[in-house]
Amino acid sequence: MKKLLFGTRDKSGFLASFATYTLLISIGFIYVYPVLYMLATSFMNPSDLLDSSTKWIPSTLHIKNYADALATMDYIPSLLKNIHIALWPTLCQLVVTSMAGYAFARYEFPLKKLWLAILIFIIVIPPQITMIPTYIIYSSLKLTGNIQAFIVPALLGQGFRSSIFILIFFNFHKQIPQALIDAAEIDGAGHIRSFFRIAVPLSLPAIVVAAIFSFVWYWNETYLVNLYLGFNNSRANGGLTTLLLELQRFQSSYESIYSGWELSPNRLNEALRMAGTMLAIAPVMALYAVLQKQFVESVDRSGITGE
């Protein structure tokens, strides 16, 4: 009984396993509960919302909520524009930050430690402090109002949280044996070829981590999109937009399509809002579901945890 409850050196006992699983299930429930609530509410009809006895299971699957939300958010064009805003800066950021991290890891140059300290200092500085000066600089360079406001800074190593990715690649490239680079140079490979033929294939875990984090951060960014592309920018005037921006404008967009009268049967309700929210987060959830295994393995191998 003692071994069963407290376990042995090689195997955990019932009490330790019970405490571990209870803690994990509790933490998981905290994160899953809002998503389950949104999903259940998004399928409810107006009568279910008014019925206090209906909490989780709707009386019928009211698919019309998703149809109305798709029309309100102009979903497919907004999705393609969101991918456009997130994908190209992410690709540019990956190329530049990986090369910068490789340079910090492999080469010695004047003030190297100072530049590393500046990178760490940039991470510590709240982005709200540099937002207005950055906007003024971008405006003077005529970068605002289009996707160049994200692509050009990413190409110059000043993309969204680029300093974090430089440190990730720096940490990973330091773990690659120098003998491999020396062997490539002996065989006639130059610095660029050694980077692309040796460092890049071996740094795939770091690339996956940086790609996912960068894409999701650009995808979820709303304030900078409004700031750099224009607060009046929207799909209504042919501008770039994101799903989260369309979710912020959900009420006004819905009332411009459907009747917004208080007594109208088509008036906006909680189920419609939840349907719009589920549609907004669905692409990122699908991305993580597809790349979950690669993401977990890459985080463990890339050194992002500080190991």
C-alpha atoms as a PDB file:
ATOM      1  CA  MET A   1       0.000   0.000   0.000  1.00  0.00           C
ATOM      2  CA  LYS A   2       2.867   2.393   0.796  1.00  0.00           C
ATOM      3  CA  LYS A   3       4.461   1.795  -2.615  1.00  0.00           C
ATOM      4  CA  LEU A   4       1.087   2.238  -4.303  1.00  0.00           C
ATOM      5  CA  LEU A   5       0.436   5.564  -2.611  1.00  0.00           C
ATOM      6  CA  PHE A   6       3.926   7.066  -2.496  1.00  0.00           C
ATOM      7  CA  GLY A   7       5.645   5.118  -5.265  1.00  0.00           C
ATOM      8  CA  THR A   8       9.262   4.065  -5.588  1.00  0.00           C
ATOM      9  CA  ARG A   9      12.426   5.535  -7.063  1.00  0.00           C
ATOM     10  CA  ASP A  10      11.497   4.329 -10.546  1.00  0.00           C
ATOM     11  CA  LYS A  11       7.767   4.962 -10.494  1.00  0.00           C
ATOM     12  CA  SER A  12       5.565   7.710  -9.105  1.00  0.00           C
ATOM     13  CA  GLY A  13       2.908   6.782  -6.612  1.00  0.00           C
ATOM     14  CA  PHE A  14      -0.828   7.389  -6.812  1.00  0.00           C
ATOM     15  CA  LEU A  15      -0.720  10.571  -4.730  1.00  0.00           C
ATOM     16  CA  ALA A  16       1.989  12.201  -6.842  1.00  0.00           C
ATOM     17  CA  SER A  17       0.262  11.216 -10.094  1.00  0.00           C
ATOM     18  CA  PHE A  18      -3.107  12.416  -8.799  1.00  0.00           C
ATOM     19  CA  ALA A  19      -1.668  15.792  -7.761  1.00  0.00           C
ATOM     20  CA  THR A  20       0.136  16.201 -11.111  1.00  0.00           C
ATOM     21  CA  TYR A  21      -2.886  15.376 -13.249  1.00  0.00           C
ATOM     22  CA  THR A  22      -5.185  17.491 -11.097  1.00  0.00           C
ATOM     23  CA  LEU A  23      -2.892  20.484 -11.509  1.00  0.00           C
ATOM     24  CA  LEU A  24      -2.538  19.967 -15.282  1.00  0.00           C
ATOM     25  CA  ILE A  25      -6.279  19.493 -15.805  1.00  0.00           C
ATOM     26  CA  SER A  26      -7.039  22.592 -13.729  1.00  0.00           C
ATOM     27  CA  ILE A  27      -4.585  24.749 -15.700  1.00  0.00           C
ATOM     28  CA  GLY A  28      -5.836  23.306 -18.988  1.00  0.00           C
ATOM     29  CA  PHE A  29      -9.452  23.982 -18.038  1.00  0.00           C
ATOM     30  CA  ILE A  30      -8.653  27.644 -17.343  1.00  0.00           C
ATOM     31  CA  TYR A  31      -7.412  28.032 -20.932  1.00  0.00           C
ATOM     32  CA  VAL A  32     -10.006  25.802 -22.617  1.00  0.00           C
ATOM     33  CA  TYR A  33     -13.088  27.110 -20.782  1.00  0.00           C
ATOM     34  CA  PRO A  34     -13.363  30.460 -22.673  1.00  0.00           C
ATOM     35  CA  VAL A  35     -13.032  28.686 -26.035  1.00  0.00           C
ATOM     36  CA  LEU A  36     -15.678  26.109 -25.116  1.00  0.00           C
ATOM     37  CA  TYR A  37     -17.976  28.883 -23.908  1.00  0.00           C
ATOM     38  CA  MET A  38     -17.539  30.835 -27.153  1.00  0.00           C
ATOM     39  CA  LEU A  39     -18.116  27.717 -29.251  1.00  0.00           C
ATOM     40  CA  ALA A  40     -21.297  26.731 -27.408  1.00  0.00           C
ATOM     41  CA  THR A  41     -22.705  30.260 -27.415  1.00  0.00           C
ATOM     42  CA  SER A  42     -21.944  30.788 -31.108  1.00  0.00           C
ATOM     43  CA  PHE A  43     -24.448  28.048 -32.078  1.00  0.00           C
ATOM     44  CA  MET A  44     -27.320  29.388 -29.933  1.00  0.00           C
ATOM     45  CA  ASN A  45     -30.395  31.041 -31.372  1.00  0.00           C
ATOM     46  CA  PRO A  46     -31.971  34.154 -29.779  1.00  0.00           C
ATOM     47  CA  SER A  47     -34.405  32.073 -27.724  1.00  0.00           C
ATOM     48  CA  ASP A  48     -31.540  30.055 -26.217  1.00  0.00           C
ATOM     49  CA  LEU A  49     -29.821  33.263 -25.182  1.00  0.00           C
ATOM     50  CA  LEU A  50     -32.945  34.396 -23.350  1.00  0.00           C
ATOM     51  CA  ASP A  51     -33.540  30.988 -21.751  1.00  0.00           C
ATOM     52  CA  SER A  52     -31.699  30.877 -18.422  1.00  0.00           C
ATOM     53  CA  SER A  53     -31.838  27.061 -18.404  1.00  0.00           C
ATOM     54  CA  THR A  54     -29.685  26.859 -21.546  1.00  0.00           C
ATOM     55  CA  LYS A  55     -26.087  27.115 -20.456  1.00  0.00           C
ATOM     56  CA  TRP A  56     -23.875  24.939 -22.621  1.00  0.00           C
ATOM     57  CA  ILE A  57     -25.906  22.841 -25.062  1.00  0.00           C
ATOM     58  CA  PRO A  58     -28.024  24.855 -27.537  1.00  0.00           C
ATOM     59  CA  SER A  59     -31.470  23.535 -28.459  1.00  0.00           C
ATOM     60  CA  THR A  60     -30.480  23.587 -32.138  1.00  0.00           C
ATOM     61  CA  LEU A  61     -27.284  24.314 -34.037  1.00  0.00           C
ATOM     62  CA  HIS A  62     -28.012  27.807 -35.321  1.00  0.00           C
ATOM     63  CA  ILE A  63     -25.601  27.848 -38.286  1.00  0.00           C
ATOM     64  CA  LYS A  64     -27.034  31.186 -39.445  1.00  0.00           C
ATOM     65  CA  ASN A  65     -24.847  32.915 -36.835  1.00  0.00           C
ATOM     66  CA  TYR A  66     -21.724  31.882 -38.743  1.00  0.00           C
ATOM     67  CA  ALA A  67     -23.240  32.795 -42.098  1.00  0.00           C
ATOM     68  CA  ASP A  68     -24.061  36.288 -40.824  1.00  0.00           C
ATOM     69  CA  ALA A  69     -20.605  36.630 -39.231  1.00  0.00           C
ATOM     70  CA  LEU A  70     -18.902  35.575 -42.476  1.00  0.00           C
ATOM     71  CA  ALA A  71     -20.817  38.237 -44.394  1.00  0.00           C
ATOM     72  CA  THR A  72     -20.239  40.899 -41.736  1.00  0.00           C
ATOM     73  CA  MET A  73     -16.471  40.375 -41.614  1.00  0.00           C
ATOM     74  CA  ASP A  74     -16.160  39.854 -45.398  1.00  0.00           C
ATOM     75  CA  TYR A  75     -14.265  36.825 -44.202  1.00  0.00           C
ATOM     76  CA  ILE A  76     -12.344  35.429 -47.183  1.00  0.00           C
ATOM     77  CA  PRO A  77     -10.949  38.780 -48.456  1.00  0.00           C
ATOM     78  CA  SER A  78     -10.150  39.842 -44.883  1.00  0.00           C
ATOM     79  CA  LEU A  79      -8.431  36.489 -44.260  1.00  0.00           C
ATOM     80  CA  LEU A  80      -6.266  36.860 -47.380  1.00  0.00           C
ATOM     81  CA  LYS A  81      -5.320  40.423 -46.401  1.00  0.00           C
ATOM     82  CA  ASN A  82      -4.478  39.242 -42.881  1.00  0.00           C
ATOM     83  CA  ILE A  83      -2.203  36.533 -44.321  1.00  0.00           C
ATOM     84  CA  HIS A  84      -0.606  39.180 -46.563  1.00  0.00           C
ATOM     85  CA  ILE A  85       0.150  41.411 -43.566  1.00  0.00           C
ATOM     86  CA  ALA A  86       1.517  38.574 -41.420  1.00  0.00           C
ATOM     87  CA  LEU A  87       3.342  36.391 -43.959  1.00  0.00           C
ATOM     88  CA  TRP A  88       5.683  38.752 -45.814  1.00  0.00           C
ATOM     89  CA  PRO A  89       7.089  40.548 -42.740  1.00  0.00           C
ATOM     90  CA  THR A  90       7.550  37.143 -41.104  1.00  0.00           C
ATOM     91  CA  LEU A  91       9.592  35.811 -44.046  1.00  0.00           C
ATOM     92  CA  CYS A  92      11.730  38.958 -44.163  1.00  0.00           C
ATOM     93  CA  GLN A  93      12.224  38.843 -40.403  1.00  0.00           C
ATOM     94  CA  LEU A  94      13.312  35.188 -40.488  1.00  0.00           C
ATOM     95  CA  VAL A  95      16.011  35.814 -43.089  1.00  0.00           C
ATOM     96  CA  VAL A  96      17.465  38.890 -41.395  1.00  0.00           C
ATOM     97  CA  THR A  97      17.308  37.711 -37.778  1.00  0.00           C
ATOM     98  CA  SER A  98      18.798  34.301 -38.606  1.00  0.00           C
ATOM     99  CA  MET A  99      21.740  35.961 -40.376  1.00  0.00           C
ATOM    100  CA  ALA A 100      22.183  38.453 -37.535  1.00  0.00           C
ATOM    101  CA  GLY A 101      22.096  35.684 -34.924  1.00  0.00           C
ATOM    102  CA  TYR A 102      24.646  33.704 -36.943  1.00  0.00           C
ATOM    103  CA  ALA A 103      26.941  36.740 -37.158  1.00  0.00           C
ATOM    104  CA  PHE A 104      26.770  37.297 -33.395  1.00  0.00           C
ATOM    105  CA  ALA A 105      27.481  33.616 -32.738  1.00  0.00           C
ATOM    106  CA  ARG A 106      30.309  33.042 -35.232  1.00  0.00           C
ATOM    107  CA  TYR A 107      32.222  36.284 -35.716  1.00  0.00           C
ATOM    108  CA  GLU A 108      34.128  38.692 -33.547  1.00  0.00           C
ATOM    109  CA  PHE A 109      33.734  42.399 -34.285  1.00  0.00           C
ATOM    110  CA  PRO A 110      34.177  45.663 -32.380  1.00  0.00           C
ATOM    111  CA  LEU A 111      31.650  46.382 -29.610  1.00  0.00           C
ATOM    112  CA  LYS A 112      30.030  42.964 -29.974  1.00  0.00           C
ATOM    113  CA  LYS A 113      29.119  42.722 -26.295  1.00  0.00           C
ATOM    114  CA  LEU A 114      27.678  46.231 -26.403  1.00  0.00           C
ATOM    115  CA  TRP A 115      25.409  45.324 -29.309  1.00  0.00           C
ATOM    116  CA  LEU A 116      24.235  42.205 -27.459  1.00  0.00           C
ATOM    117  CA  ALA A 117      23.500  44.329 -24.416  1.00  0.00           C
ATOM    118  CA  ILE A 118      21.509  46.736 -26.598  1.00  0.00           C
ATOM    119  CA  LEU A 119      19.474  43.811 -27.954  1.00  0.00           C
ATOM    120  CA  ILE A 120      18.582  42.726 -24.428  1.00  0.00           C
ATOM    121  CA  PHE A 121      17.812  46.319 -23.488  1.00  0.00           C
ATOM    122  CA  ILE A 122      15.433  46.624 -26.447  1.00  0.00           C
ATOM    123  CA  ILE A 123      13.490  43.611 -25.182  1.00  0.00           C
ATOM    124  CA  VAL A 124      13.111  45.222 -21.764  1.00  0.00           C
ATOM    125  CA  ILE A 125      11.845  48.568 -23.136  1.00  0.00           C
ATOM    126  CA  PRO A 126       8.020  48.654 -23.389  1.00  0.00           C
ATOM    127  CA  PRO A 127       7.029  49.058 -27.057  1.00  0.00           C
ATOM    128  CA  GLN A 128       4.582  51.840 -26.136  1.00  0.00           C
ATOM    129  CA  ILE A 129       7.547  54.127 -25.401  1.00  0.00           C
ATOM    130  CA  THR A 130       8.953  53.900 -28.930  1.00  0.00           C
ATOM    131  CA  MET A 131       5.641  53.818 -30.795  1.00  0.00           C
ATOM    132  CA  ILE A 132       5.259  57.550 -31.452  1.00  0.00           C
ATOM    133  CA  PRO A 133       8.928  58.225 -32.396  1.00  0.00           C
ATOM    134  CA  THR A 134       8.824  55.208 -34.702  1.00  0.00           C
ATOM    135  CA  TYR A 135       5.635  56.443 -36.352  1.00  0.00           C
ATOM    136  CA  ILE A 136       7.200  59.865 -36.933  1.00  0.00           C
ATOM    137  CA  ILE A 137      10.249  58.259 -38.566  1.00  0.00           C
ATOM    138  CA  TYR A 138       8.093  55.991 -40.755  1.00  0.00           C
ATOM    139  CA  SER A 139       5.948  58.955 -41.779  1.00  0.00           C
ATOM    140  CA  SER A 140       8.999  61.013 -42.778  1.00  0.00           C
ATOM    141  CA  LEU A 141      10.218  58.055 -44.878  1.00  0.00           C
ATOM    142  CA  LYS A 142       6.720  57.687 -46.429  1.00  0.00           C
ATOM    143  CA  LEU A 143       6.364  54.102 -45.243  1.00  0.00           C
ATOM    144  CA  THR A 144       2.965  54.495 -43.597  1.00  0.00           C
ATOM    145  CA  GLY A 145      -0.266  53.652 -45.342  1.00  0.00           C
ATOM    146  CA  ASN A 146       0.892  50.370 -46.916  1.00  0.00           C
ATOM    147  CA  ILE A 147       2.546  47.053 -46.159  1.00  0.00           C
ATOM    148  CA  GLN A 148       6.021  48.620 -46.476  1.00  0.00           C
ATOM    149  CA  ALA A 149       5.604  49.890 -42.912  1.00  0.00           C
ATOM    150  CA  PHE A 150       6.121  46.263 -41.815  1.00  0.00           C
ATOM    151  CA  ILE A 151       8.326  44.830 -44.571  1.00  0.00           C
ATOM    152  CA  VAL A 152      11.077  47.503 -44.664  1.00  0.00           C
ATOM    153  CA  PRO A 153      11.717  47.461 -40.868  1.00  0.00           C
ATOM    154  CA  ALA A 154      11.753  43.643 -40.949  1.00  0.00           C
ATOM    155  CA  LEU A 155      14.391  43.717 -43.700  1.00  0.00           C
ATOM    156  CA  LEU A 156      16.495  46.069 -41.577  1.00  0.00           C
ATOM    157  CA  GLY A 157      16.250  43.924 -38.444  1.00  0.00           C
ATOM    158  CA  GLN A 158      13.727  46.245 -36.832  1.00  0.00           C
ATOM    159  CA  GLY A 159      10.640  44.107 -37.263  1.00  0.00           C
ATOM    160  CA  PHE A 160       8.127  43.331 -34.561  1.00  0.00           C
ATOM    161  CA  ARG A 161      10.179  41.893 -31.654  1.00  0.00           C
ATOM    162  CA  SER A 162      13.112  41.098 -33.956  1.00  0.00           C
ATOM    163  CA  SER A 163      15.569  41.344 -31.071  1.00  0.00           C
ATOM    164  CA  ILE A 164      14.011  38.276 -29.449  1.00  0.00           C
ATOM    165  CA  PHE A 165      14.486  36.230 -32.616  1.00  0.00           C
ATOM    166  CA  ILE A 166      18.086  37.412 -33.017  1.00  0.00           C
ATOM    167  CA  LEU A 167      18.849  36.157 -29.515  1.00  0.00           C
ATOM    168  CA  ILE A 168      17.078  32.855 -30.248  1.00  0.00           C
ATOM    169  CA  PHE A 169      19.199  32.284 -33.365  1.00  0.00           C
ATOM    170  CA  PHE A 170      22.317  33.486 -31.526  1.00  0.00           C
ATOM    171  CA  ASN A 171      21.725  30.966 -28.768  1.00  0.00           C
ATOM    172  CA  PHE A 172      21.092  28.161 -31.250  1.00  0.00           C
ATOM    173  CA  HIS A 173      24.009  28.873 -33.620  1.00  0.00           C
ATOM    174  CA  LYS A 174      26.402  28.862 -30.666  1.00  0.00           C
ATOM    175  CA  GLN A 175      25.506  25.186 -30.127  1.00  0.00           C
ATOM    176  CA  ILE A 176      26.547  24.186 -33.667  1.00  0.00           C
ATOM    177  CA  PRO A 177      30.097  22.747 -33.575  1.00  0.00           C
ATOM    178  CA  GLN A 178      32.634  25.122 -35.063  1.00  0.00           C
ATOM    179  CA  ALA A 179      34.338  22.104 -36.654  1.00  0.00           C
ATOM    180  CA  LEU A 180      31.491  21.812 -39.158  1.00  0.00           C
ATOM    181  CA  ILE A 181      31.954  25.411 -40.309  1.00  0.00           C
ATOM    182  CA  ASP A 182      35.744  24.985 -40.447  1.00  0.00           C
ATOM    183  CA  ALA A 183      35.376  21.813 -42.529  1.00  0.00           C
ATOM    184  CA  ALA A 184      33.108  23.608 -44.987  1.00  0.00           C
ATOM    185  CA  GLU A 185      35.587  26.468 -45.312  1.00  0.00           C
ATOM    186  CA  ILE A 186      38.437  23.996 -45.920  1.00  0.00           C
ATOM    187  CA  ASP A 187      36.351  22.489 -48.750  1.00  0.00           C
ATOM    188  CA  GLY A 188      36.128  25.919 -50.328  1.00  0.00           C
ATOM    189  CA  ALA A 189      32.821  27.198 -48.981  1.00  0.00           C
ATOM    190  CA  GLY A 190      32.644  30.919 -48.247  1.00  0.00           C
ATOM    191  CA  HIS A 191      30.816  32.609 -45.399  1.00  0.00           C
ATOM    192  CA  ILE A 192      27.485  32.832 -47.227  1.00  0.00           C
ATOM    193  CA  ARG A 193      27.603  29.267 -48.488  1.00  0.00           C
ATOM    194  CA  SER A 194      28.541  27.945 -45.052  1.00  0.00           C
ATOM    195  CA  PHE A 195      25.567  29.750 -43.603  1.00  0.00           C
ATOM    196  CA  PHE A 196      23.031  28.404 -46.090  1.00  0.00           C
ATOM    197  CA  ARG A 197      24.497  24.893 -46.447  1.00  0.00           C
ATOM    198  CA  ILE A 198      25.478  24.222 -42.805  1.00  0.00           C
ATOM    199  CA  ALA A 199      23.836  26.648 -40.388  1.00  0.00           C
ATOM    200  CA  VAL A 200      20.369  26.928 -41.940  1.00  0.00           C
ATOM    201  CA  PRO A 201      19.600  23.167 -42.161  1.00  0.00           C
ATOM    202  CA  LEU A 202      20.848  22.615 -38.620  1.00  0.00           C
ATOM    203  CA  SER A 203      18.863  25.571 -37.265  1.00  0.00           C
ATOM    204  CA  LEU A 204      15.488  24.316 -38.512  1.00  0.00           C
ATOM    205  CA  PRO A 205      14.059  24.018 -34.961  1.00  0.00           C
ATOM    206  CA  ALA A 206      14.881  27.679 -34.259  1.00  0.00           C
ATOM    207  CA  ILE A 207      13.405  28.677 -37.631  1.00  0.00           C
ATOM    208  CA  VAL A 208      10.134  26.895 -36.851  1.00  0.00           C
ATOM    209  CA  VAL A 209       9.855  28.588 -33.448  1.00  0.00           C
ATOM    210  CA  ALA A 210      10.672  32.037 -34.841  1.00  0.00           C
ATOM    211  CA  ALA A 211       8.316  31.572 -37.798  1.00  0.00           C
ATOM    212  CA  ILE A 212       5.342  30.561 -35.659  1.00  0.00           C
ATOM    213  CA  PHE A 213       5.870  33.243 -33.024  1.00  0.00           C
ATOM    214  CA  SER A 214       6.490  35.968 -35.614  1.00  0.00           C
ATOM    215  CA  PHE A 215       3.484  35.002 -37.731  1.00  0.00           C
ATOM    216  CA  VAL A 216       1.136  34.836 -34.740  1.00  0.00           C
ATOM    217  CA  TRP A 217       2.390  38.155 -33.325  1.00  0.00           C
ATOM    218  CA  TYR A 218       1.919  39.913 -36.651  1.00  0.00           C
ATOM    219  CA  TRP A 219      -1.444  38.190 -37.069  1.00  0.00           C
ATOM    220  CA  ASN A 220      -2.734  39.326 -33.681  1.00  0.00           C
ATOM    221  CA  GLU A 221      -1.379  42.877 -33.888  1.00  0.00           C
ATOM    222  CA  THR A 222      -4.132  45.477 -34.180  1.00  0.00           C
ATOM    223  CA  TYR A 223      -2.809  48.738 -32.773  1.00  0.00           C
ATOM    224  CA  LEU A 224       0.292  48.891 -34.978  1.00  0.00           C
ATOM    225  CA  VAL A 225      -1.774  47.970 -38.041  1.00  0.00           C
ATOM    226  CA  ASN A 226      -4.112  50.849 -37.265  1.00  0.00           C
ATOM    227  CA  LEU A 227      -1.207  53.172 -36.510  1.00  0.00           C
ATOM    228  CA  TYR A 228       0.937  52.434 -39.561  1.00  0.00           C
ATOM    229  CA  LEU A 229      -1.771  51.682 -42.113  1.00  0.00           C
ATOM    230  CA  GLY A 230      -4.135  54.401 -40.890  1.00  0.00           C
ATOM    231  CA  PHE A 231      -6.879  54.410 -38.278  1.00  0.00           C
ATOM    232  CA  ASN A 232      -9.441  55.026 -41.031  1.00  0.00           C
ATOM    233  CA  ASN A 233      -8.072  52.152 -43.097  1.00  0.00           C
ATOM    234  CA  SER A 234     -10.619  49.401 -43.698  1.00  0.00           C
ATOM    235  CA  ARG A 235     -11.898  47.070 -46.367  1.00  0.00           C
ATOM    236  CA  ALA A 236     -14.645  49.595 -47.068  1.00  0.00           C
ATOM    237  CA  ASN A 237     -12.135  51.920 -48.735  1.00  0.00           C
ATOM    238  CA  GLY A 238     -10.087  49.126 -50.288  1.00  0.00           C
ATOM    239  CA  GLY A 239      -7.324  49.169 -47.674  1.00  0.00           C
ATOM    240  CA  LEU A 240      -5.545  46.345 -45.901  1.00  0.00           C
ATOM    241  CA  THR A 241      -7.252  44.911 -42.872  1.00  0.00           C
ATOM    242  CA  THR A 242      -7.073  41.955 -40.482  1.00  0.00           C
ATOM    243  CA  LEU A 243      -9.648  39.637 -39.000  1.00  0.00           C
ATOM    244  CA  LEU A 244      -9.147  41.121 -35.535  1.00  0.00           C
ATOM    245  CA  LEU A 245      -9.720  44.630 -36.893  1.00  0.00           C
ATOM    246  CA  GLU A 246     -12.906  43.430 -38.565  1.00  0.00           C
ATOM    247  CA  LEU A 247     -13.896  41.881 -35.235  1.00  0.00           C
ATOM    248  CA  GLN A 248     -13.417  45.273 -33.561  1.00  0.00           C
ATOM    249  CA  ARG A 249     -15.658  46.828 -36.221  1.00  0.00           C
ATOM    250  CA  PHE A 250     -18.122  43.938 -36.017  1.00  0.00           C
ATOM    251  CA  GLN A 251     -21.021  45.910 -34.545  1.00  0.00           C
ATOM    252  CA  SER A 252     -20.865  48.814 -36.993  1.00  0.00           C
ATOM    253  CA  SER A 253     -20.331  46.471 -39.957  1.00  0.00           C
ATOM    254  CA  TYR A 254     -23.225  44.273 -38.903  1.00  0.00           C
ATOM    255  CA  GLU A 255     -25.595  47.196 -38.452  1.00  0.00           C
ATOM    256  CA  SER A 256     -24.651  48.546 -41.872  1.00  0.00           C
ATOM    257  CA  ILE A 257     -25.669  45.219 -43.477  1.00  0.00           C
ATOM    258  CA  TYR A 258     -28.588  44.161 -41.306  1.00  0.00           C
ATOM    259  CA  SER A 259     -31.179  46.116 -39.423  1.00  0.00           C
ATOM    260  CA  GLY A 260     -29.763  47.575 -36.231  1.00  0.00           C
ATOM    261  CA  TRP A 261     -33.113  48.467 -34.679  1.00  0.00           C
ATOM    262  CA  GLU A 262     -33.594  47.331 -31.135  1.00  0.00           C
ATOM    263  CA  LEU A 263     -36.856  45.516 -31.947  1.00  0.00           C
ATOM    264  CA  SER A 264     -35.563  43.914 -35.146  1.00  0.00           C
ATOM    265  CA  PRO A 265     -35.225  40.101 -35.180  1.00  0.00           C
ATOM    266  CA  ASN A 266     -31.851  40.583 -36.875  1.00  0.00           C
ATOM    267  CA  ARG A 267     -30.380  42.746 -34.145  1.00  0.00           C
ATOM    268  CA  LEU A 268     -26.870  41.947 -32.969  1.00  0.00           C
ATOM    269  CA  ASN A 269     -26.649  39.469 -30.075  1.00  0.00           C
ATOM    270  CA  GLU A 270     -24.054  37.600 -28.066  1.00  0.00           C
ATOM    271  CA  ALA A 271     -24.182  34.486 -30.261  1.00  0.00           C
ATOM    272  CA  LEU A 272     -23.259  36.502 -33.348  1.00  0.00           C
ATOM    273  CA  ARG A 273     -20.344  38.114 -31.513  1.00  0.00           C
ATOM    274  CA  MET A 274     -19.068  34.710 -30.385  1.00  0.00           C
ATOM    275  CA  ALA A 275     -19.375  33.353 -33.946  1.00  0.00           C
ATOM    276  CA  GLY A 276     -17.276  36.259 -35.205  1.00  0.00           C
ATOM    277  CA  THR A 277     -14.710  35.665 -32.465  1.00  0.00           C
ATOM    278  CA  MET A 278     -14.437  31.961 -33.310  1.00  0.00           C
ATOM    279  CA  LEU A 279     -13.936  32.797 -36.989  1.00  0.00           C
ATOM    280  CA  ALA A 280     -11.215  35.301 -36.064  1.00  0.00           C
ATOM    281  CA  ILE A 281      -9.178  32.822 -34.011  1.00  0.00           C
ATOM    282  CA  ALA A 282      -9.887  29.752 -36.175  1.00  0.00           C
ATOM    283  CA  PRO A 283      -6.893  30.181 -38.569  1.00  0.00           C
ATOM    284  CA  VAL A 284      -4.353  30.436 -35.736  1.00  0.00           C
ATOM    285  CA  MET A 285      -5.917  27.463 -33.935  1.00  0.00           C
ATOM    286  CA  ALA A 286      -5.767  25.439 -37.151  1.00  0.00           C
ATOM    287  CA  LEU A 287      -2.125  26.464 -37.672  1.00  0.00           C
ATOM    288  CA  TYR A 288      -1.178  25.321 -34.184  1.00  0.00           C
ATOM    289  CA  ALA A 289      -3.158  22.071 -34.549  1.00  0.00           C
ATOM    290  CA  VAL A 290      -1.227  21.212 -37.722  1.00  0.00           C
ATOM    291  CA  LEU A 291       2.207  22.259 -36.408  1.00  0.00           C
ATOM    292  CA  GLN A 292       1.774  21.298 -32.757  1.00  0.00           C
ATOM    293  CA  LYS A 293       4.313  18.458 -32.801  1.00  0.00           C
ATOM    294  CA  GLN A 294       6.935  20.475 -34.685  1.00  0.00           C
ATOM    295  CA  PHE A 295       6.350  23.482 -32.459  1.00  0.00           C
ATOM    296  CA  VAL A 296       6.811  21.597 -29.182  1.00  0.00           C
ATOM    297  CA  GLU A 297       9.910  19.776 -30.441  1.00  0.00           C
ATOM    298  CA  SER A 298      11.408  22.988 -31.825  1.00  0.00           C
ATOM    299  CA  VAL A 299      10.896  24.905 -28.583  1.00  0.00           C
ATOM    300  CA  ASP A 300      12.661  22.118 -26.728  1.00  0.00           C
ATOM    301  CA  ARG A 301      15.607  21.999 -29.158  1.00  0.00           C
ATOM    302  CA  SER A 302      16.015  25.680 -30.035  1.00  0.00           C
ATOM    303  CA  GLY A 303      17.158  26.781 -26.595  1.00  0.00           C
ATOM    304  CA  ILE A 304      14.275  29.237 -26.180  1.00  0.00           C
ATOM    305  CA  THR A 305      13.817  28.002 -22.615  1.00  0.00           C
ATOM    306  CA  GLY A 306      17.348  29.067 -21.758  1.00  0.00           C
ATOM    307  CA  GLU A 307      18.853  25.588 -21.676  1.00  0.00           C
END
